[in-house]
Protein backbone atom coordinates (compact mmCIF):
# COMPACT_ATOMS: atom_id res chain seq x y z
CA MET A 1 91.88 -18.43 -91.95
CA PRO A 2 88.25 -19.13 -92.38
CA VAL A 3 86.50 -21.30 -89.66
CA ASP A 4 84.13 -24.22 -90.96
CA VAL A 5 80.74 -24.41 -89.32
CA ILE A 6 79.44 -27.80 -89.44
CA MET A 7 76.23 -29.73 -88.70
CA PRO A 8 77.31 -31.15 -85.18
CA LYS A 9 76.74 -34.74 -83.61
CA VAL A 10 74.77 -34.15 -80.46
CA ASP A 11 73.89 -37.98 -80.05
CA MET A 12 76.00 -41.10 -80.36
CA VAL A 13 73.56 -42.55 -82.50
CA MET A 14 72.98 -39.36 -84.73
CA ASP A 15 74.11 -39.51 -88.41
CA GLU A 16 72.34 -36.44 -89.81
CA GLY A 17 70.58 -33.34 -88.98
CA THR A 18 67.99 -31.01 -90.43
CA VAL A 19 68.86 -27.37 -90.56
CA ALA A 20 65.59 -25.69 -89.13
CA HIS A 21 66.52 -22.35 -89.17
CA TRP A 22 69.13 -19.60 -89.33
CA HIS A 23 69.49 -16.83 -87.06
CA LYS A 24 72.02 -15.00 -89.37
CA ALA A 25 71.93 -14.24 -93.20
CA GLU A 26 75.13 -14.71 -95.50
CA GLY A 27 77.03 -11.69 -95.12
CA ASP A 28 75.91 -10.85 -91.33
CA GLN A 29 78.39 -10.20 -88.47
CA VAL A 30 78.34 -13.06 -85.98
CA LYS A 31 79.94 -13.30 -82.53
CA ALA A 32 81.29 -16.31 -80.87
CA GLY A 33 78.94 -18.06 -78.48
CA GLU A 34 75.78 -16.66 -79.96
CA PRO A 35 72.92 -18.76 -81.34
CA LEU A 36 73.92 -19.00 -85.25
CA PHE A 37 71.09 -21.73 -86.52
CA ASP A 38 68.78 -24.21 -84.94
CA ILE A 39 69.01 -28.27 -85.96
CA GLU A 40 66.21 -30.67 -85.77
CA THR A 41 66.93 -34.08 -85.11
CA ASP A 42 64.46 -37.00 -84.33
CA LYS A 43 64.36 -36.11 -80.73
CA ALA A 44 64.68 -32.35 -80.39
CA THR A 45 65.32 -28.89 -81.69
CA MET A 46 68.35 -27.47 -80.52
CA GLU A 47 70.22 -24.08 -81.23
CA VAL A 48 73.99 -24.02 -82.48
CA GLU A 49 76.09 -21.58 -81.31
CA ALA A 50 78.57 -19.81 -83.46
CA PRO A 51 82.18 -21.33 -83.20
CA ALA A 52 84.00 -17.73 -83.80
CA SER A 53 83.11 -14.13 -84.54
CA GLY A 54 83.07 -12.78 -87.94
CA THR A 55 81.06 -12.76 -91.30
CA LEU A 56 78.92 -15.64 -92.24
CA VAL A 57 79.69 -16.93 -95.69
CA ARG A 58 78.78 -19.59 -97.80
CA VAL A 59 75.63 -21.06 -96.39
CA THR A 60 75.13 -24.16 -98.24
CA ALA A 61 72.35 -25.79 -96.43
CA PRO A 62 69.39 -23.52 -96.23
CA ASP A 63 66.37 -23.76 -93.67
CA GLY A 64 64.76 -27.19 -94.14
CA MET A 65 67.80 -28.97 -95.78
CA THR A 66 69.15 -32.13 -94.12
CA VAL A 67 73.02 -33.03 -94.30
CA PRO A 68 75.16 -35.71 -92.45
CA VAL A 69 76.97 -34.92 -89.26
CA ALA A 70 80.41 -33.15 -89.89
CA THR A 71 79.16 -31.60 -93.23
CA VAL A 72 80.48 -28.07 -93.57
CA ILE A 73 77.22 -26.13 -94.26
CA ALA A 74 78.98 -22.35 -93.87
CA MET A 75 82.05 -20.65 -93.08
CA ILE A 76 83.21 -17.49 -90.76
CA LEU A 77 85.73 -15.21 -92.24
CA GLU A 78 87.59 -13.15 -89.42
CA LYS A 79 88.10 -9.50 -89.56
CA GLY A 80 90.04 -8.39 -92.74
CA GLU A 81 89.83 -11.67 -94.15
CA THR A 82 88.66 -12.28 -97.71
CA LEU A 83 86.89 -15.33 -99.32
CA GLN A 84 89.21 -17.41 -101.15
CA ALA A 85 88.49 -18.95 -104.80
CA THR A 86 88.21 -22.34 -103.17
CA ALA A 87 85.39 -25.07 -104.03
CA ALA A 88 82.41 -24.27 -101.62
CA PRO A 89 81.20 -27.44 -99.80
CA ALA A 90 78.37 -28.61 -102.16
CA PRO A 91 74.69 -29.46 -100.86
CA ARG A 92 73.24 -32.68 -101.39
CA GLN A 93 72.24 -33.16 -105.00
CA PRO A 94 69.53 -35.15 -106.76
CA LEU A 95 70.23 -38.28 -108.11
CA PRO A 96 71.62 -38.54 -111.71
CA GLU A 97 69.13 -39.49 -114.51
CA ALA A 98 69.50 -43.22 -115.11
CA PRO A 99 71.14 -44.64 -118.42
CA ALA A 100 69.48 -46.19 -121.23
CA SER A 101 71.03 -49.48 -120.26
CA ALA A 102 73.64 -50.97 -117.74
CA PRO A 103 76.37 -53.49 -118.02
CA ALA A 104 75.50 -57.26 -116.70
CA SER A 105 77.92 -56.64 -113.58
CA GLN A 106 75.85 -53.80 -112.57
CA LEU A 107 72.83 -55.76 -112.95
CA ALA A 108 74.22 -58.65 -111.02
CA GLU A 109 74.86 -56.14 -108.38
CA VAL A 110 71.29 -54.79 -108.63
CA ASP A 111 70.12 -58.71 -108.16
CA SER A 112 72.16 -58.96 -104.82
CA ILE A 113 70.56 -55.61 -103.43
CA LEU A 114 66.94 -56.46 -104.33
CA VAL A 115 65.04 -58.36 -101.30
CA ALA A 116 64.90 -62.04 -102.32
CA THR A 117 65.15 -64.09 -99.02
CA THR A 118 65.02 -63.26 -95.48
CA GLY A 119 67.48 -64.78 -92.89
CA ASP A 120 68.04 -65.06 -89.30
CA SER A 121 70.79 -62.43 -89.16
CA ARG A 122 70.08 -58.28 -88.28
CA PRO A 123 72.95 -56.26 -89.91
CA ARG A 124 73.75 -53.34 -87.90
CA ALA A 125 72.19 -50.18 -89.38
CA THR A 126 70.83 -46.99 -88.28
CA PRO A 127 66.99 -46.70 -87.48
CA LEU A 128 66.78 -44.28 -90.60
CA ALA A 129 68.94 -46.60 -92.73
CA ARG A 130 66.69 -49.30 -91.90
CA ARG A 131 63.52 -47.76 -92.41
CA MET A 132 64.83 -46.44 -95.94
CA ALA A 133 65.96 -50.02 -97.09
CA ARG A 134 62.52 -51.50 -96.22
CA GLU A 135 60.60 -48.81 -97.85
CA HIS A 136 62.90 -49.31 -100.87
CA GLY A 137 62.81 -53.16 -100.89
CA LEU A 138 66.70 -53.59 -100.22
CA ASP A 139 68.14 -56.40 -98.43
CA LEU A 140 70.22 -54.74 -95.55
CA ALA A 141 72.58 -57.86 -95.44
CA ALA A 142 73.44 -57.29 -99.07
CA LEU A 143 74.70 -53.66 -98.20
CA SER A 144 78.07 -52.68 -97.28
CA GLY A 145 78.00 -49.97 -94.25
CA GLY A 146 80.56 -47.03 -94.13
CA GLY A 147 79.61 -46.33 -90.14
CA PRO A 148 81.76 -47.81 -87.39
CA GLN A 149 81.82 -51.45 -87.07
CA GLY A 150 80.46 -51.49 -90.75
CA ARG A 151 77.10 -50.02 -89.59
CA LEU A 152 74.76 -49.10 -92.40
CA ARG A 153 74.36 -45.29 -92.59
CA LYS A 154 71.63 -43.28 -94.68
CA GLN A 155 74.13 -42.06 -97.26
CA ASP A 156 74.98 -46.28 -97.62
CA VAL A 157 71.19 -47.00 -98.61
CA LEU A 158 71.34 -43.99 -100.93
CA GLN A 159 74.22 -45.19 -102.87
CA ALA A 160 72.36 -48.45 -103.24
CA ILE A 161 69.44 -46.80 -104.52
CA GLU A 162 71.54 -44.99 -106.99
CA THR A 163 72.95 -48.28 -108.02
CA LEU A 164 69.47 -49.47 -108.50
CA ARG A 165 68.16 -46.59 -110.44
CA ALA A 166 71.35 -46.71 -113.02
CA ALA A 167 70.49 -50.19 -113.56
CA ALA A 168 66.93 -49.78 -114.66
CA PRO A 169 66.22 -49.25 -118.20
CA ARG A 170 64.51 -45.98 -119.40
CA PRO A 171 60.92 -46.13 -121.18
CA GLN A 172 61.27 -46.24 -124.82
CA ASN A 173 57.84 -44.30 -125.82
CA ASP A 174 57.43 -41.19 -123.31
CA SER A 175 60.31 -39.84 -121.59
CA HIS A 176 58.10 -38.49 -119.09
CA ALA A 177 56.19 -41.78 -118.06
CA VAL A 178 56.44 -42.73 -114.26
CA VAL A 179 57.91 -46.37 -113.43
CA ALA A 180 56.76 -48.41 -110.74
CA PRO A 181 58.71 -49.93 -107.82
CA PRO A 182 59.05 -53.89 -107.88
CA ALA A 183 56.23 -54.63 -105.59
CA LEU A 184 53.77 -52.44 -107.80
CA ALA A 185 55.06 -53.82 -111.08
CA THR A 186 54.44 -57.18 -110.27
CA SER A 187 51.26 -57.10 -108.12
CA GLY A 188 49.69 -53.68 -109.14
CA ALA A 189 49.66 -54.24 -112.77
CA ALA A 190 45.90 -53.90 -113.18
CA ASN A 191 45.87 -50.72 -110.88
CA ASN A 192 45.54 -47.68 -113.37
CA SER A 193 47.03 -44.93 -110.81
CA ALA A 194 50.42 -44.45 -109.46
CA PRO A 195 51.27 -43.68 -106.01
CA ALA A 196 51.99 -39.91 -105.59
CA GLN A 197 55.53 -38.63 -105.39
CA SER A 198 57.05 -36.04 -103.12
CA ALA A 199 59.10 -33.47 -105.26
CA ASN A 200 62.03 -34.11 -102.48
CA ALA A 201 61.78 -38.00 -102.16
CA VAL A 202 64.32 -40.18 -102.98
CA PRO A 203 63.27 -42.40 -106.22
CA SER A 204 62.57 -45.89 -105.42
CA PRO A 205 64.41 -48.96 -106.82
CA THR A 206 62.47 -49.27 -110.31
CA VAL A 207 61.98 -51.70 -113.00
CA ALA A 208 60.41 -51.20 -116.63
CA ALA A 209 56.55 -51.24 -116.11
CA PRO A 210 53.68 -50.23 -118.54
CA VAL A 211 52.18 -47.25 -116.68
CA PRO A 212 49.92 -44.47 -117.64
CA ALA A 213 51.94 -40.85 -118.53
CA VAL A 214 52.10 -38.20 -116.22
CA SER A 215 49.54 -36.02 -118.18
CA THR A 216 46.91 -38.84 -117.59
CA LEU A 217 47.70 -39.34 -113.98
CA PRO A 218 44.93 -37.81 -111.39
CA ASN A 219 46.13 -34.86 -109.47
CA SER A 220 48.53 -35.70 -106.94
CA ALA A 221 49.36 -34.64 -103.53
CA PRO A 222 50.69 -30.92 -103.33
CA SER A 223 54.70 -30.38 -103.45
CA THR A 224 56.53 -29.91 -100.01
CA GLY A 225 55.86 -26.37 -98.96
CA THR A 226 53.33 -25.72 -101.77
CA GLU A 227 50.40 -23.91 -101.04
CA GLN A 228 47.31 -24.54 -102.99
CA ALA A 229 43.78 -23.19 -102.89
CA ASP A 230 42.45 -25.40 -100.24
CA GLY A 231 45.27 -25.63 -97.91
CA LYS A 232 48.73 -26.34 -97.65
CA LEU A 233 51.07 -29.66 -96.97
CA VAL A 234 53.39 -29.39 -94.30
CA PRO A 235 55.80 -32.09 -94.69
CA LEU A 236 56.68 -34.26 -91.70
CA THR A 237 60.01 -34.01 -90.28
CA GLY A 238 62.31 -33.83 -87.05
CA ILE A 239 60.06 -33.99 -83.95
CA ARG A 240 56.76 -34.09 -85.65
CA LYS A 241 57.62 -37.04 -87.26
CA ILE A 242 58.95 -39.04 -84.75
CA ILE A 243 56.06 -38.30 -82.34
CA ALA A 244 53.74 -39.36 -85.34
CA GLN A 245 55.58 -42.66 -85.10
CA ARG A 246 55.79 -43.21 -81.49
CA LEU A 247 52.05 -42.38 -81.07
CA THR A 248 51.19 -44.65 -83.77
CA VAL A 249 52.57 -47.48 -81.97
CA SER A 250 51.05 -46.21 -78.63
CA ALA A 251 47.62 -46.48 -80.01
CA SER A 252 48.33 -50.18 -80.85
CA ILE A 253 48.63 -50.64 -77.28
CA PRO A 254 45.71 -52.22 -75.32
CA GLN A 255 45.19 -49.32 -72.53
CA PHE A 256 42.91 -48.95 -69.94
CA VAL A 257 42.13 -45.66 -67.95
CA LEU A 258 41.21 -44.77 -64.45
CA SER A 259 40.25 -41.07 -63.17
CA MET A 260 40.41 -39.86 -59.47
CA ASP A 261 39.73 -36.66 -57.63
CA VAL A 262 42.12 -35.32 -55.16
CA ASP A 263 41.97 -32.57 -52.75
CA LEU A 264 44.84 -30.31 -53.14
CA SER A 265 44.29 -28.04 -50.00
CA ALA A 266 47.12 -29.57 -47.93
CA ALA A 267 49.50 -29.70 -50.65
CA LEU A 268 48.84 -25.94 -51.58
CA GLN A 269 49.11 -24.44 -48.17
CA LEU A 270 52.56 -26.25 -47.85
CA ARG A 271 53.41 -24.92 -51.20
CA GLU A 272 52.76 -21.54 -49.62
CA ARG A 273 55.07 -22.04 -46.75
CA LEU A 274 58.07 -23.14 -48.70
CA SER A 275 60.43 -20.35 -50.14
CA TYR A 276 60.92 -21.82 -53.29
CA ARG A 277 57.47 -22.40 -54.21
CA PRO A 278 57.10 -25.62 -56.37
CA SER A 279 54.59 -25.87 -59.19
CA VAL A 280 51.81 -28.35 -58.91
CA THR A 281 53.73 -30.46 -61.49
CA ALA A 282 56.85 -30.72 -59.37
CA ILE A 283 54.77 -31.49 -56.53
CA LEU A 284 53.04 -34.52 -58.23
CA ALA A 285 56.44 -35.27 -59.54
CA ARG A 286 57.62 -35.97 -56.04
CA VAL A 287 54.74 -37.87 -55.02
CA VAL A 288 54.75 -39.97 -58.23
CA ALA A 289 58.60 -40.89 -57.90
CA ALA A 290 57.85 -41.79 -53.83
CA VAL A 291 54.92 -43.93 -54.87
CA LEU A 292 55.98 -45.71 -57.93
CA PRO A 293 58.76 -48.50 -56.35
CA ARG A 294 55.84 -49.79 -54.68
CA HIS A 295 53.85 -50.63 -57.68
CA PRO A 296 56.67 -51.77 -59.85
CA SER A 297 54.23 -53.13 -62.61
CA LEU A 298 53.49 -49.41 -63.52
CA ASN A 299 57.15 -48.44 -63.71
CA ALA A 300 57.96 -51.01 -66.47
CA SER A 301 58.14 -51.88 -69.90
CA PHE A 302 56.32 -54.70 -72.07
CA ARG A 303 58.84 -56.82 -74.26
CA GLU A 304 58.01 -60.04 -76.60
CA ASP A 305 60.08 -62.12 -73.96
CA GLY A 306 58.56 -60.78 -70.70
CA ILE A 307 57.91 -57.52 -68.57
CA TRP A 308 60.94 -55.35 -67.58
CA LEU A 309 60.55 -54.24 -64.31
CA HIS A 310 62.84 -51.04 -63.91
CA THR A 311 64.41 -50.43 -60.76
CA PRO A 312 65.21 -46.39 -60.85
CA VAL A 313 62.39 -44.17 -61.65
CA HIS A 314 63.04 -41.91 -64.20
CA LEU A 315 60.29 -39.65 -64.63
CA GLY A 316 59.28 -38.03 -68.09
CA ILE A 317 57.33 -34.64 -67.99
CA ALA A 318 55.43 -33.88 -71.05
CA MET A 319 56.04 -30.14 -71.94
CA ASP A 320 55.24 -27.76 -75.05
CA SER A 321 58.17 -26.22 -76.48
CA GLY A 322 57.35 -23.70 -79.53
CA GLY A 323 54.61 -26.10 -80.73
CA ASP A 324 56.62 -29.40 -80.17
CA LEU A 325 56.14 -32.05 -77.87
CA LEU A 326 58.97 -32.65 -75.77
CA VAL A 327 59.54 -35.13 -72.79
CA PRO A 328 62.50 -34.20 -70.73
CA VAL A 329 63.71 -36.76 -68.17
CA ILE A 330 64.24 -36.29 -64.53
CA ARG A 331 66.60 -39.27 -63.78
CA ASN A 332 66.58 -41.10 -60.41
CA ALA A 333 63.37 -39.06 -59.34
CA HIS A 334 62.97 -41.58 -56.28
CA GLN A 335 66.38 -40.28 -55.09
CA ARG A 336 65.34 -36.43 -55.02
CA THR A 337 64.07 -34.24 -52.66
CA LEU A 338 61.01 -31.92 -53.54
CA SER A 339 63.25 -29.11 -53.79
CA GLU A 340 65.49 -31.03 -56.20
CA ILE A 341 62.99 -31.78 -58.24
CA ALA A 342 61.48 -28.39 -58.42
CA THR A 343 64.94 -27.04 -59.12
CA THR A 344 65.64 -29.38 -61.87
CA LEU A 345 62.06 -29.17 -63.47
CA GLY A 346 62.93 -25.23 -64.00
CA ASP A 347 66.39 -25.90 -65.64
CA ILE A 348 64.88 -27.99 -67.79
CA ARG A 349 62.04 -25.97 -68.80
CA GLN A 350 64.28 -22.88 -69.34
CA ARG A 351 66.60 -24.88 -71.51
CA ALA A 352 63.70 -26.44 -73.43
CA GLU A 353 62.68 -22.92 -74.22
CA ALA A 354 66.00 -21.91 -75.50
CA LYS A 355 66.29 -25.22 -77.27
CA GLN A 356 69.22 -26.04 -75.36
CA LEU A 357 68.16 -29.67 -74.38
CA PRO A 358 70.18 -32.54 -75.84
CA PRO A 359 68.92 -35.71 -77.16
CA SER A 360 70.54 -37.49 -74.11
CA GLU A 361 68.05 -35.82 -71.80
CA LEU A 362 64.76 -36.93 -73.84
CA GLN A 363 65.25 -40.64 -73.68
CA GLY A 364 65.22 -43.34 -71.02
CA SER A 365 62.07 -42.36 -69.00
CA THR A 366 60.38 -45.22 -67.22
CA PHE A 367 56.83 -43.38 -66.31
CA SER A 368 55.37 -39.71 -67.81
CA ILE A 369 53.51 -37.33 -66.63
CA SER A 370 51.46 -34.55 -68.74
CA ASN A 371 49.83 -31.60 -67.20
CA LEU A 372 47.55 -29.43 -69.36
CA GLY A 373 45.87 -27.69 -66.31
CA MET A 374 47.45 -24.40 -67.33
CA PHE A 375 45.47 -24.25 -70.29
CA GLY A 376 42.11 -24.56 -68.38
CA ILE A 377 42.09 -28.58 -68.98
CA ASP A 378 39.77 -30.10 -66.41
CA GLN A 379 40.38 -33.73 -67.59
CA PHE A 380 41.92 -35.59 -70.19
CA THR A 381 43.34 -38.91 -71.16
CA ALA A 382 47.12 -39.16 -72.38
CA LEU A 383 48.36 -41.89 -74.73
CA ILE A 384 51.14 -44.15 -73.23
CA ASN A 385 54.73 -43.00 -74.18
CA PRO A 386 56.32 -46.36 -75.40
CA PRO A 387 58.02 -48.31 -74.24
CA GLU A 388 56.49 -47.28 -70.71
CA ALA A 389 53.57 -49.04 -69.02
CA ALA A 390 51.78 -46.06 -67.68
CA ILE A 391 51.27 -42.42 -67.97
CA LEU A 392 49.60 -39.61 -65.66
CA ALA A 393 47.35 -36.97 -66.93
CA VAL A 394 46.80 -33.89 -64.65
CA GLY A 395 44.10 -31.42 -65.31
CA ARG A 396 43.39 -28.05 -63.77
CA THR A 397 42.53 -27.22 -60.12
CA ASN A 398 39.01 -26.67 -59.60
CA GLN A 399 37.29 -24.83 -56.33
CA ARG A 400 34.18 -27.27 -55.78
CA PRO A 401 31.75 -26.83 -53.11
CA PHE A 402 31.45 -29.54 -50.29
CA GLU A 403 28.91 -29.41 -47.07
CA ILE A 404 30.74 -30.19 -44.20
CA ASN A 405 29.07 -30.19 -40.67
CA GLY A 406 25.90 -28.09 -42.45
CA SER A 407 28.09 -25.44 -43.99
CA ILE A 408 29.32 -25.23 -47.70
CA VAL A 409 33.16 -25.41 -48.14
CA PHE A 410 35.22 -24.75 -51.45
CA LYS A 411 38.08 -27.05 -51.90
CA PRO A 412 41.00 -27.02 -54.73
CA ILE A 413 39.97 -30.42 -56.60
CA LEU A 414 42.40 -31.92 -59.08
CA THR A 415 41.58 -34.63 -61.28
CA LEU A 416 44.33 -37.33 -62.22
CA THR A 417 43.86 -39.74 -64.98
CA LEU A 418 45.99 -42.74 -65.39
CA SER A 419 46.27 -44.61 -68.43
CA ALA A 420 47.95 -47.92 -68.22
CA ASP A 421 49.02 -50.93 -70.67
CA HIS A 422 46.91 -53.95 -69.75
CA ARG A 423 49.52 -56.24 -70.93
CA VAL A 424 51.78 -55.12 -68.07
CA THR A 425 49.15 -54.45 -65.20
CA ASP A 426 45.51 -54.62 -64.48
CA GLY A 427 42.90 -52.47 -63.16
CA ALA A 428 43.54 -53.02 -59.19
CA THR A 429 47.03 -52.44 -59.12
CA ALA A 430 46.65 -49.13 -61.12
CA ALA A 431 43.61 -48.38 -58.76
CA ARG A 432 45.79 -48.86 -55.87
CA PHE A 433 48.54 -46.37 -57.17
CA LEU A 434 46.30 -43.75 -57.71
CA GLN A 435 44.85 -44.10 -53.88
CA GLU A 436 48.20 -43.81 -52.38
CA VAL A 437 49.09 -41.09 -54.98
CA ARG A 438 45.85 -39.22 -53.34
CA THR A 439 46.82 -40.25 -49.80
CA VAL A 440 50.45 -38.87 -50.24
CA LEU A 441 49.05 -35.28 -51.81
CA GLU A 442 46.33 -34.80 -49.06
CA GLU A 443 48.94 -35.44 -46.37
CA PRO A 444 52.16 -33.70 -48.00
CA LEU A 445 54.35 -33.68 -45.15
CA LEU A 446 55.30 -37.14 -46.30
CA LEU A 447 56.86 -35.07 -49.19
CA ILE A 448 59.82 -33.29 -46.96
């Protein structure tokens, strides 16, 4: 019988995923276990393997479509099997057109959904559902969630938006007129422009408001994926969207920066003597993991009620994966040897390149390292990865001349740049941390 291909749930809090790319086209032969399609969540892009061998049919979620987890997005027919005349799983459809009027009972339901007051309770909701409700002016407390323990999901918010749209009266004179959301209808009546809407955006809850017809509006932003003469709009989705959100938060943190040069001569000599040849990143990770417990304010997180000092050292290692920034985590790095860290780092990098890192390995870091030395970068400043208190930026190793006993000697010098949260720590503490990192790197036998 046909085997369903579904959107997998790769994270406990994952409610939906985006089909990033199909490796096979409808009608192609597939083998069980080979890469079938890539999915994009808010943390990572991952390959999904074919659940069975056969012919791929009924692909209902093309590249770029977002669907809830467990949604059937395709089928695989076994050899000799034919497609039965059964209803195909339908992709998500746009919201229906609003009727001319709505009954009083429906209007009453709308009143309960629109934000009227704010309370102290915080309803259970997924981050996406919470953001959508905020953007559309909905009161989470008035919505009914269909997730575990009544948790609000994206589809619950979409249902509320549909209710609001159905209750909104249609403009009488111009069937193509744009209607404004409640906030614009009340406070922006004098504004002669309307916000640009993406072609794929979910309509906001609307009320009747006198605004210009579409033909009189200025040119809006190009539709998603539409190429214009002066460029092309690339939508923020998945990883890039979450990167934008997190680094916007990071930019609001009061950060200070310290830099220090380190002589890597002894560390590189030790590396040549080891059979497994650890990378510079692995050596730095081992040093940082060993030093951090003695500087707890750098292995910490700022909270509204205080500063949380982490006991374990979970190192985030920033790396590039097909143009996306990933920060996989080496857990309990303070308890690992240099050999173990080098092996773990190599395994993580291979799985990142193969898009096989689950979201669980991309969260929970307490301190991060970002190395751009392999790109020829001498020195740079990295933004803190919230909610961490610090990040170490690593440049390339340069041969620099030094005078020793009247002779010119070249040494491999590495520049380390530490960015730290000034709410959590201070300059002297951060300087002492860098000093100890340099001491251990210049006496690497302490690593083993």
